[in-house]
């Protein structure tokens, strides 16, 4: 099978899939984002040389740029690990045909080289290289420098897939990557090991001696071979047919009975969270959300910007609400048809989701009390934010769930898995996070910090008072979308 046949199959699969038909708006939005970043990188590539020459007339702009390559590598590795996935194709039909597995693997790896993550840096590097040529730098040396940066980009590309492969089966797989990256950054920041100098000297060495370009090329080839062998071992028809048998630890969850007729659904949600990889990440992310305030409160810069405390309080107390609630009812998509065929009231089903999210807000508020160490105003902001989360954001996120149409596989890897993410999850962040920030910021600007907290809390109280009416509207919206969701969750793509 030739390359053009693979490309033809990919083209047909993409444009014939239901994903393309259902996510046209999201695809257009992503195109606009891509164009925006392309333009920004082009501007940086053209402007960086004259800016550096103006600000540092006694230094070589190229050497300055090389001194920051280490930071670019760290950021690129983290961004790729969180957002870039190995491009896939439907290979099972090909495995029953006389097609060599090596061709399939080479195609997948070759396709990854054309990732947007690899193209984007070139929109800055190539214009910068042109600016170097205009300013009488050696043509051969500049071309070698550009090729060196391209090799580094592809090295990060294939290194990311190796990291992804080793971390795919572990919980909180992003922690080792963050720890290693943070450790390297810390070693460099505290001048224990100057990685900025080491990387800059390496790139400068290649620039001055083009023969050394063979070093990054050999590293790139080695990483490609490692990826090839790893993928080839997994490329078997029965590789996905093996099932893992696990012992399930159950609990009676007696405490949930205090929530009345919604208790059975809360018990199902809690068991779903604890027994499956993807939703279980919502619990572990509570730790990250709880520590989020440490990025702001100890920083003297933010002590002079108290209007941002309301936003931090919304995030800290509402981390579970945001992370778990945005995929309601997609968590139940695997058995949604069966669930809707039972003799249950939709009100009870949604009430259990509300109770679980509201309970999480209260728990996070209690756990965040030690932040009072940084000032009583922070505790006040957290209390106001928690009331707002319960009264407003719980209803907002439940309403947004009525537009969910994407199925979720609960057994997929938990960390930074974007399956089930659509335009709804992106757009709902505006009323969830930006609206309280605007309300708190304007109130603080017009009055003072205490009044801003009071206004945020009062809006939450209004939502709590009108909870029944709001839930009725939300239930009606779910009932109107019931069969559309059943149909969407019944599809495989």
Protein backbone atom coordinates (compact mmCIF):
# COMPACT_ATOMS: atom_id res chain seq x y z
CA UNK A 1 0.00 0.00 0.00
CA UNK A 2 1.43 3.35 -1.04
CA UNK A 3 1.42 6.61 0.86
CA UNK A 4 -1.35 8.07 -1.31
CA UNK A 5 -3.66 5.22 -0.27
CA UNK A 6 -3.13 6.02 3.42
CA UNK A 7 -3.81 9.70 2.75
CA UNK A 8 -6.94 8.84 0.79
CA UNK A 9 -8.28 6.67 3.63
CA UNK A 10 -7.53 9.39 6.19
CA UNK A 11 -9.28 11.99 4.06
CA UNK A 12 -12.44 9.89 3.70
CA UNK A 13 -12.49 8.85 7.35
CA UNK A 14 -12.26 12.44 8.55
CA UNK A 15 -14.87 14.03 6.32
CA UNK A 16 -17.32 11.12 6.51
CA UNK A 17 -17.23 10.91 10.30
CA UNK A 18 -20.04 12.24 12.47
CA UNK A 19 -17.42 14.27 14.38
CA UNK A 20 -16.89 16.51 11.34
CA UNK A 21 -20.63 17.01 10.90
CA UNK A 22 -21.31 17.73 14.57
CA UNK A 23 -18.27 19.86 15.36
CA UNK A 24 -18.10 22.25 12.43
CA UNK A 25 -18.35 25.29 14.72
CA UNK A 26 -15.55 23.97 16.94
CA UNK A 27 -13.37 23.21 13.90
CA UNK A 28 -13.84 26.75 12.61
CA UNK A 29 -13.01 28.12 16.06
CA UNK A 30 -9.82 26.04 16.17
CA UNK A 31 -8.83 27.31 12.72
CA UNK A 32 -9.17 30.90 13.96
CA UNK A 33 -7.03 30.08 17.00
CA UNK A 34 -4.41 28.47 14.76
CA UNK A 35 -4.32 31.51 12.48
CA UNK A 36 -4.02 33.79 15.49
CA UNK A 37 -0.96 31.94 16.81
CA UNK A 38 0.59 31.80 13.34
CA UNK A 39 0.28 35.59 13.00
CA UNK A 40 1.69 36.13 16.51
CA UNK A 41 4.71 33.92 15.81
CA UNK A 42 5.32 35.66 12.49
CA UNK A 43 5.30 39.02 14.24
CA UNK A 44 7.72 37.75 16.87
CA UNK A 45 10.01 36.28 14.23
CA UNK A 46 10.20 39.54 12.29
CA UNK A 47 10.35 41.93 15.27
CA UNK A 48 12.65 40.09 17.67
CA UNK A 49 15.92 41.00 15.91
CA UNK A 50 15.42 44.80 15.78
CA UNK A 51 13.97 44.81 19.30
CA UNK A 52 16.96 42.93 20.75
CA UNK A 53 19.38 45.07 18.77
CA UNK A 54 17.75 48.21 20.11
CA UNK A 55 17.56 47.05 23.73
CA UNK A 56 20.99 45.34 23.81
CA UNK A 57 23.16 47.12 21.22
CA UNK A 58 26.38 45.55 22.56
CA UNK A 59 25.13 41.95 22.34
CA UNK A 60 24.49 39.56 19.48
CA UNK A 61 20.70 38.98 19.09
CA UNK A 62 21.34 35.40 17.98
CA UNK A 63 23.24 34.61 21.19
CA UNK A 64 20.43 36.15 23.25
CA UNK A 65 17.85 33.99 21.46
CA UNK A 66 19.97 30.87 21.96
CA UNK A 67 20.18 31.60 25.70
CA UNK A 68 16.38 31.21 25.92
CA UNK A 69 16.12 27.92 23.99
CA UNK A 70 16.20 25.93 27.25
CA UNK A 71 13.03 27.65 28.47
CA UNK A 72 11.37 27.04 25.11
CA UNK A 73 12.23 23.32 25.34
CA UNK A 74 10.71 23.04 28.84
CA UNK A 75 7.51 24.84 27.82
CA UNK A 76 7.23 22.89 24.57
CA UNK A 77 7.59 19.53 26.33
CA UNK A 78 4.87 20.44 28.84
CA UNK A 79 2.51 21.82 26.19
CA UNK A 80 2.91 18.77 23.99
CA UNK A 81 2.46 16.34 26.87
CA UNK A 82 -0.80 17.98 27.87
CA UNK A 83 -2.26 18.73 24.44
CA UNK A 84 -0.53 16.72 21.70
CA UNK A 85 -1.52 13.11 21.13
CA UNK A 86 -0.02 10.61 18.72
CA UNK A 87 -2.04 10.81 15.46
CA UNK A 88 -4.02 7.65 14.95
CA UNK A 89 -5.78 5.92 12.12
CA UNK A 90 -8.17 2.96 11.99
CA UNK A 91 -5.62 0.20 11.55
CA UNK A 92 -7.70 -2.86 12.45
CA UNK A 93 -9.16 -3.25 8.92
CA UNK A 94 -5.61 -2.99 7.53
CA UNK A 95 -4.29 -5.77 9.78
CA UNK A 96 -6.41 -8.35 7.96
CA UNK A 97 -4.96 -7.23 4.61
CA UNK A 98 -1.51 -7.87 3.13
CA UNK A 99 -0.16 -4.57 4.43
CA UNK A 100 3.13 -4.51 6.29
CA UNK A 101 2.89 -3.28 9.85
CA UNK A 102 6.08 -1.32 9.35
CA UNK A 103 4.38 0.77 6.65
CA UNK A 104 1.48 1.58 8.96
CA UNK A 105 3.82 2.57 11.81
CA UNK A 106 6.00 4.68 9.53
CA UNK A 107 2.92 6.44 8.22
CA UNK A 108 1.64 7.25 11.72
CA UNK A 109 5.03 8.51 12.88
CA UNK A 110 5.56 10.45 9.67
CA UNK A 111 2.16 12.02 10.07
CA UNK A 112 3.14 13.23 13.55
CA UNK A 113 6.03 15.19 12.01
CA UNK A 114 3.45 17.39 10.28
CA UNK A 115 1.78 18.32 13.56
CA UNK A 116 0.81 21.95 14.13
CA UNK A 117 3.12 21.89 17.15
CA UNK A 118 6.05 21.32 14.80
CA UNK A 119 5.03 23.91 12.23
CA UNK A 120 4.25 26.72 14.67
CA UNK A 121 7.84 27.43 15.85
CA UNK A 122 8.97 27.64 12.22
CA UNK A 123 6.75 30.69 11.70
CA UNK A 124 9.04 32.51 14.14
CA UNK A 125 12.35 30.76 13.41
CA UNK A 126 12.38 31.20 9.62
CA UNK A 127 11.56 34.97 9.68
CA UNK A 128 14.23 35.40 12.36
CA UNK A 129 16.68 33.51 10.15
CA UNK A 130 15.81 35.79 7.22
CA UNK A 131 16.46 38.81 9.45
CA UNK A 132 19.88 37.32 10.28
CA UNK A 133 20.69 36.94 6.57
CA UNK A 134 19.61 40.53 5.91
CA UNK A 135 22.07 41.62 8.60
CA UNK A 136 25.00 39.83 6.93
CA UNK A 137 25.15 36.63 8.95
CA UNK A 138 26.73 33.64 7.21
CA UNK A 139 24.16 31.93 4.96
CA UNK A 140 25.44 28.42 5.69
CA UNK A 141 25.56 29.02 9.44
CA UNK A 142 22.03 30.47 9.51
CA UNK A 143 20.66 27.51 7.52
CA UNK A 144 22.40 25.12 9.91
CA UNK A 145 20.93 27.02 12.88
CA UNK A 146 17.40 26.77 11.42
CA UNK A 147 17.88 23.03 10.78
CA UNK A 148 19.14 22.62 14.35
CA UNK A 149 16.00 24.22 15.77
CA UNK A 150 13.89 22.04 13.45
CA UNK A 151 15.71 18.94 14.72
CA UNK A 152 15.14 20.00 18.34
CA UNK A 153 11.44 20.49 17.56
CA UNK A 154 11.14 16.99 16.08
CA UNK A 155 13.16 15.52 18.96
CA UNK A 156 10.63 17.00 21.41
CA UNK A 157 7.85 15.63 19.18
CA UNK A 158 9.04 12.01 19.39
CA UNK A 159 10.19 12.33 22.99
CA UNK A 160 6.65 13.36 23.91
CA UNK A 161 5.22 10.12 22.50
CA UNK A 162 7.67 8.07 24.55
CA UNK A 163 6.69 9.97 27.70
CA UNK A 164 3.04 9.53 26.79
CA UNK A 165 3.48 5.79 26.32
CA UNK A 166 5.17 5.26 29.70
CA UNK A 167 2.65 7.41 31.58
CA UNK A 168 -0.56 6.27 29.87
CA UNK A 169 -1.29 3.50 32.37
CA UNK A 170 -0.57 5.42 35.56
CA UNK A 171 -2.74 7.70 37.64
CA UNK A 172 -1.71 11.36 37.76
CA UNK A 173 0.73 10.62 34.95
CA UNK A 174 1.43 14.31 34.48
CA UNK A 175 3.08 14.65 37.91
CA UNK A 176 6.45 13.05 36.96
CA UNK A 177 6.69 15.24 33.86
CA UNK A 178 5.85 18.38 35.85
CA UNK A 179 8.25 17.33 38.64
CA UNK A 180 11.15 16.71 36.23
CA UNK A 181 10.51 19.90 34.28
CA UNK A 182 10.12 21.89 37.49
CA UNK A 183 13.27 20.33 38.89
CA UNK A 184 15.32 21.26 35.82
CA UNK A 185 13.91 24.76 35.92
CA UNK A 186 14.72 25.07 39.63
CA UNK A 187 18.29 23.81 39.15
CA UNK A 188 18.76 26.42 36.45
CA UNK A 189 16.99 29.20 38.33
CA UNK A 190 19.10 28.77 41.48
CA UNK A 191 22.30 28.49 39.40
CA UNK A 192 23.02 24.96 40.59
CA UNK A 193 23.30 23.78 36.99
CA UNK A 194 23.04 26.41 34.27
CA UNK A 195 21.04 24.59 31.61
CA UNK A 196 20.51 27.86 29.74
CA UNK A 197 24.28 28.12 29.21
CA UNK A 198 24.67 24.43 28.35
CA UNK A 199 21.92 24.48 25.73
CA UNK A 200 23.05 27.85 24.36
CA UNK A 201 26.65 26.63 24.06
CA UNK A 202 25.48 23.47 22.29
CA UNK A 203 23.41 25.42 19.73
CA UNK A 204 26.20 27.98 19.29
CA UNK A 205 28.63 25.11 18.72
CA UNK A 206 26.48 23.70 15.93
CA UNK A 207 26.14 27.20 14.44
CA UNK A 208 29.91 27.65 14.36
CA UNK A 209 30.71 24.09 13.30
CA UNK A 210 28.01 22.71 10.90
CA UNK A 211 29.42 19.17 11.16
CA UNK A 212 28.00 18.99 14.70
CA UNK A 213 24.51 19.08 13.17
CA UNK A 214 24.92 15.30 12.93
CA UNK A 215 24.47 15.07 16.73
CA UNK A 216 20.82 16.27 16.89
CA UNK A 217 20.10 14.32 13.69
CA UNK A 218 21.38 11.09 15.28
CA UNK A 219 19.35 11.77 18.44
CA UNK A 220 16.27 12.32 16.28
CA UNK A 221 16.84 9.04 14.41
CA UNK A 222 17.31 7.17 17.70
CA UNK A 223 14.03 8.50 19.11
CA UNK A 224 12.23 7.63 15.87
CA UNK A 225 13.53 4.04 16.08
CA UNK A 226 12.43 3.76 19.72
CA UNK A 227 8.94 5.01 18.81
CA UNK A 228 8.82 2.65 15.82
CA UNK A 229 9.63 -0.40 17.95
CA UNK A 230 7.16 0.58 20.67
CA UNK A 231 4.28 1.08 18.22
CA UNK A 232 5.08 -2.02 16.18
CA UNK A 233 4.85 -4.19 19.30
CA UNK A 234 1.35 -2.85 19.98
CA UNK A 235 0.08 -3.21 16.42
CA UNK A 236 -1.80 -6.50 16.66
CA UNK A 237 -5.41 -7.29 15.90
CA UNK A 238 -6.07 -8.71 19.36
CA UNK A 239 -4.11 -6.07 21.30
CA UNK A 240 -7.33 -4.34 22.40
CA UNK A 241 -9.22 -7.56 23.18
CA UNK A 242 -7.48 -8.26 26.46
CA UNK A 243 -9.52 -7.27 29.50
CA UNK A 244 -8.24 -6.36 32.91
CA UNK A 245 -9.88 -8.05 35.85
CA UNK A 246 -9.96 -5.94 38.98
CA UNK A 247 -11.40 -6.51 42.41
CA UNK A 248 -14.00 -3.86 43.16
CA UNK A 249 -14.15 -2.51 46.68
CA UNK A 250 -17.65 -1.39 47.52
CA UNK A 251 -19.04 0.80 50.27
CA UNK A 252 -22.59 1.28 51.46
CA UNK A 253 -22.19 5.09 51.45
CA UNK A 254 -24.74 5.41 54.22
CA UNK A 255 -24.03 9.12 54.68
CA UNK A 256 -25.58 9.92 51.29
CA UNK A 257 -29.06 8.97 52.60
CA UNK A 258 -29.21 12.38 54.21
CA UNK A 259 -29.77 13.80 50.73
CA UNK A 260 -33.19 12.15 50.39
CA UNK A 261 -34.52 10.74 47.13
CA UNK A 262 -31.40 11.74 45.22
CA UNK A 263 -29.22 9.49 47.41
CA UNK A 264 -29.27 6.43 45.08
CA UNK A 265 -28.00 8.54 42.18
CA UNK A 266 -25.31 10.12 44.36
CA UNK A 267 -24.16 6.65 45.34
CA UNK A 268 -23.94 5.68 41.66
CA UNK A 269 -21.93 8.82 40.91
CA UNK A 270 -19.52 8.23 43.79
CA UNK A 271 -18.96 4.62 42.76
CA UNK A 272 -18.51 5.70 39.15
CA UNK A 273 -15.90 8.24 40.23
CA UNK A 274 -13.94 5.82 42.35
CA UNK A 275 -14.03 2.80 40.02
CA UNK A 276 -13.07 4.44 36.71
CA UNK A 277 -9.87 6.16 35.61
CA UNK A 278 -11.31 9.20 33.87
CA UNK A 279 -13.75 10.46 36.55
CA UNK A 280 -11.35 9.48 39.35
CA UNK A 281 -9.04 12.25 38.12
CA UNK A 282 -11.69 14.72 39.36
CA UNK A 283 -10.86 13.69 42.92
CA UNK A 284 -7.09 13.91 42.51
CA UNK A 285 -7.37 17.33 40.84
CA UNK A 286 -8.94 18.57 44.08
CA UNK A 287 -5.40 18.64 45.48
CA UNK A 288 -4.22 20.84 42.63
CA UNK A 289 -7.21 23.14 43.06
CA UNK A 290 -6.66 23.39 46.80
CA UNK A 291 -3.02 24.44 46.28
CA UNK A 292 -3.91 26.88 43.50
CA UNK A 293 -4.03 29.80 45.91
CA UNK A 294 -0.34 29.34 46.73
CA UNK A 295 0.49 30.75 43.29
CA UNK A 296 -1.22 34.03 44.23
CA UNK A 297 -1.48 34.69 47.96
CA UNK A 298 2.24 34.56 48.93
CA UNK A 299 3.17 36.69 45.90
CA UNK A 300 3.59 40.38 46.86
CA UNK A 301 2.48 41.39 43.36
CA UNK A 302 -1.00 39.98 43.88
CA UNK A 303 -1.31 41.42 47.36
CA UNK A 304 -1.77 44.75 45.59
CA UNK A 305 -4.44 43.23 43.32
CA UNK A 306 -7.08 41.97 45.79
CA UNK A 307 -9.76 42.05 43.10
CA UNK A 308 -8.31 38.78 41.76
CA UNK A 309 -8.99 36.96 45.07
CA UNK A 310 -12.61 36.45 44.08
CA UNK A 311 -11.50 34.59 40.94
CA UNK A 312 -9.06 32.44 42.94
CA UNK A 313 -11.81 31.66 45.45
CA UNK A 314 -14.15 30.56 42.64
CA UNK A 315 -11.48 28.20 41.31
CA UNK A 316 -10.34 26.80 44.67
CA UNK A 317 -13.82 26.09 46.07
CA UNK A 318 -15.30 25.08 42.70
CA UNK A 319 -12.53 22.91 41.23
CA UNK A 320 -14.60 19.70 41.48
CA UNK A 321 -17.72 21.49 40.28
CA UNK A 322 -15.84 22.73 37.19
CA UNK A 323 -13.91 19.56 36.40
CA UNK A 324 -16.67 17.02 37.08
CA UNK A 325 -19.72 19.12 36.28
CA UNK A 326 -18.69 20.12 32.76
CA UNK A 327 -19.16 16.51 31.62
CA UNK A 328 -22.63 15.99 33.09
CA UNK A 329 -24.40 13.87 31.81
CA UNK A 330 -21.62 12.50 29.53
CA UNK A 331 -20.21 10.53 32.48
CA UNK A 332 -23.29 8.30 32.15
CA UNK A 333 -23.14 8.15 28.34
CA UNK A 334 -22.19 4.46 28.31
CA UNK A 335 -25.53 3.47 29.86
CA UNK A 336 -27.56 6.63 29.28
CA UNK A 337 -30.12 4.86 27.10
CA UNK A 338 -30.75 2.27 29.81
CA UNK A 339 -30.89 4.98 32.49
CA UNK A 340 -33.51 6.96 30.58
CA UNK A 341 -35.65 3.85 30.08
CA UNK A 342 -36.06 3.40 33.84
CA UNK A 343 -39.00 4.69 35.86
CA UNK A 344 -37.09 7.60 37.37
CA UNK A 345 -37.67 11.32 37.49
CA UNK A 346 -35.20 13.51 35.65
CA UNK A 347 -35.45 15.93 38.57
CA UNK A 348 -34.01 13.32 40.95
CA UNK A 349 -31.20 12.53 38.53
CA UNK A 350 -30.15 16.18 38.18
CA UNK A 351 -30.70 16.91 41.87
CA UNK A 352 -28.11 14.28 42.75
CA UNK A 353 -25.58 16.01 40.48
CA UNK A 354 -26.39 19.36 42.11
CA UNK A 355 -26.07 17.95 45.62
CA UNK A 356 -22.73 16.31 44.83
CA UNK A 357 -21.29 19.51 43.36
CA UNK A 358 -22.65 21.72 46.16
CA UNK A 359 -21.25 19.29 48.76
CA UNK A 360 -17.84 19.44 47.08
CA UNK A 361 -17.88 23.26 47.29
CA UNK A 362 -18.52 23.11 51.04
CA UNK A 363 -15.71 20.55 51.52
CA UNK A 364 -13.26 22.66 49.50
CA UNK A 365 -14.23 25.77 51.48
CA UNK A 366 -13.48 23.99 54.75
CA UNK A 367 -10.17 22.62 53.43
CA UNK A 368 -9.14 26.09 52.22
CA UNK A 369 -9.59 27.70 55.67
CA UNK A 370 -5.79 27.57 56.33
CA UNK A 371 -5.44 30.30 53.69
CA UNK A 372 -6.52 32.66 56.47
CA UNK A 373 -2.81 32.65 57.31
CA UNK A 374 -2.39 35.11 54.42
CA UNK A 375 -5.19 37.34 55.67
CA UNK A 376 -8.82 37.33 56.78
CA UNK A 377 -9.84 38.99 53.54
CA UNK A 378 -8.86 35.81 51.66
CA UNK A 379 -11.14 33.68 53.82
CA UNK A 380 -13.93 36.23 53.25
CA UNK A 381 -13.39 36.00 49.48
CA UNK A 382 -13.50 32.19 49.63
CA UNK A 383 -16.78 32.21 51.56
CA UNK A 384 -18.35 34.61 49.05
CA UNK A 385 -17.02 32.55 46.13
CA UNK A 386 -18.37 29.31 47.65
CA UNK A 387 -21.86 30.82 48.03
CA UNK A 388 -21.68 32.05 44.43
CA UNK A 389 -20.57 28.61 43.23
CA UNK A 390 -23.49 26.90 44.97
CA UNK A 391 -26.11 29.46 43.95
CA UNK A 392 -25.01 30.26 40.39
CA UNK A 393 -22.28 28.07 38.92
CA UNK A 394 -23.97 24.77 39.83
CA UNK A 395 -27.02 25.84 37.83
CA UNK A 396 -24.90 27.22 34.97
CA UNK A 397 -22.96 24.00 34.61
CA UNK A 398 -26.08 21.82 34.78
CA UNK A 399 -27.70 23.94 32.09
CA UNK A 400 -24.59 23.63 29.94
CA UNK A 401 -24.77 19.86 30.34
CA UNK A 402 -28.05 19.78 28.39
CA UNK A 403 -25.98 20.66 25.30
CA UNK A 404 -23.46 17.83 25.77
CA UNK A 405 -23.44 15.45 22.84
CA UNK A 406 -20.07 13.71 23.18
CA UNK A 407 -19.60 10.24 24.61
CA UNK A 408 -16.93 9.49 27.23
CA UNK A 409 -15.07 6.22 27.70
CA UNK A 410 -14.60 5.93 31.46
CA UNK A 411 -11.72 3.48 31.14
CA UNK A 412 -9.45 5.74 29.12
CA UNK A 413 -6.45 7.37 30.77
CA UNK A 414 -7.49 10.01 33.24
CA UNK A 415 -4.89 12.75 33.00
CA UNK A 416 -5.51 15.39 30.36
CA UNK A 417 -7.80 13.21 28.27
CA UNK A 418 -9.89 15.49 26.06
CA UNK A 419 -12.37 12.89 24.85
CA UNK A 420 -15.86 14.28 25.28
CA UNK A 421 -14.62 17.86 25.08
CA UNK A 422 -16.56 20.03 22.66
CA UNK A 423 -17.53 23.63 22.11
CA UNK A 424 -19.80 23.49 25.18
CA UNK A 425 -16.86 22.86 27.53
CA UNK A 426 -14.96 25.82 26.07
CA UNK A 427 -17.85 28.27 26.04
CA UNK A 428 -19.17 27.41 29.49
CA UNK A 429 -15.92 28.66 31.00
CA UNK A 430 -17.00 32.23 30.22
CA UNK A 431 -19.95 32.40 32.64
CA UNK A 432 -18.23 30.07 35.12
CA UNK A 433 -14.99 31.99 35.59
CA UNK A 434 -15.04 35.32 33.78
CA UNK A 435 -18.48 36.49 34.95
CA UNK A 436 -17.69 36.33 38.70
CA UNK A 437 -14.30 37.92 37.98
CA UNK A 438 -16.00 40.82 36.21
CA UNK A 439 -18.64 41.18 38.94
CA UNK A 440 -16.07 41.11 41.74
CA UNK A 441 -13.61 43.37 39.91
CA UNK A 442 -16.17 46.06 39.05
CA UNK A 443 -17.67 45.94 42.55
CA UNK A 444 -14.21 46.31 44.08
CA UNK A 445 -13.37 49.20 41.76
CA UNK A 446 -16.62 51.05 42.57
CA UNK A 447 -16.67 50.32 46.31
CA UNK A 448 -14.22 48.22 48.34
CA UNK A 449 -13.17 44.63 48.96
CA UNK A 450 -15.79 43.82 51.62
CA UNK A 451 -18.69 45.17 49.52
CA UNK A 452 -17.42 43.23 46.50
CA UNK A 453 -17.49 40.02 48.57
CA UNK A 454 -20.98 40.89 49.81
CA UNK A 455 -22.29 41.46 46.26
CA UNK A 456 -20.80 38.16 45.04
CA UNK A 457 -22.34 36.33 48.00
CA UNK A 458 -25.75 38.01 47.54
CA UNK A 459 -25.88 36.90 43.92
CA UNK A 460 -25.21 33.37 45.13
CA UNK A 461 -27.94 33.68 47.75
CA UNK A 462 -30.41 34.75 45.06
CA UNK A 463 -29.53 31.60 43.10
CA UNK A 464 -30.08 29.45 46.20
CA UNK A 465 -33.44 31.10 46.92
CA UNK A 466 -34.65 30.48 43.36
CA UNK A 467 -33.11 27.01 43.19
CA UNK A 468 -36.39 25.17 42.62
CA UNK A 469 -37.46 27.43 39.77
CA UNK A 470 -34.03 27.27 38.18
CA UNK A 471 -33.99 23.48 38.44
CA UNK A 472 -37.41 23.31 36.80
CA UNK A 473 -36.10 25.28 33.83
CA UNK A 474 -33.02 23.05 33.64
CA UNK A 475 -35.09 19.86 33.88
CA UNK A 476 -37.35 21.09 31.06
CA UNK A 477 -34.27 21.75 28.91
CA UNK A 478 -32.94 18.24 29.56
CA UNK A 479 -36.31 16.71 28.74
CA UNK A 480 -36.42 18.65 25.47
CA UNK A 481 -32.92 17.35 24.59
CA UNK A 482 -33.43 13.85 25.98
CA UNK A 483 -33.70 11.93 22.71
CA UNK A 484 -30.98 13.95 21.00
CA UNK A 485 -28.60 13.03 23.81
CA UNK A 486 -29.64 9.37 23.68
CA UNK A 487 -28.96 9.32 19.94
CA UNK A 488 -25.59 11.11 20.34
CA UNK A 489 -24.40 8.89 23.18
CA UNK A 490 -25.38 5.77 21.19
CA UNK A 491 -22.90 6.59 18.43
CA UNK A 492 -19.29 5.50 18.48
CA UNK A 493 -17.90 8.67 16.90
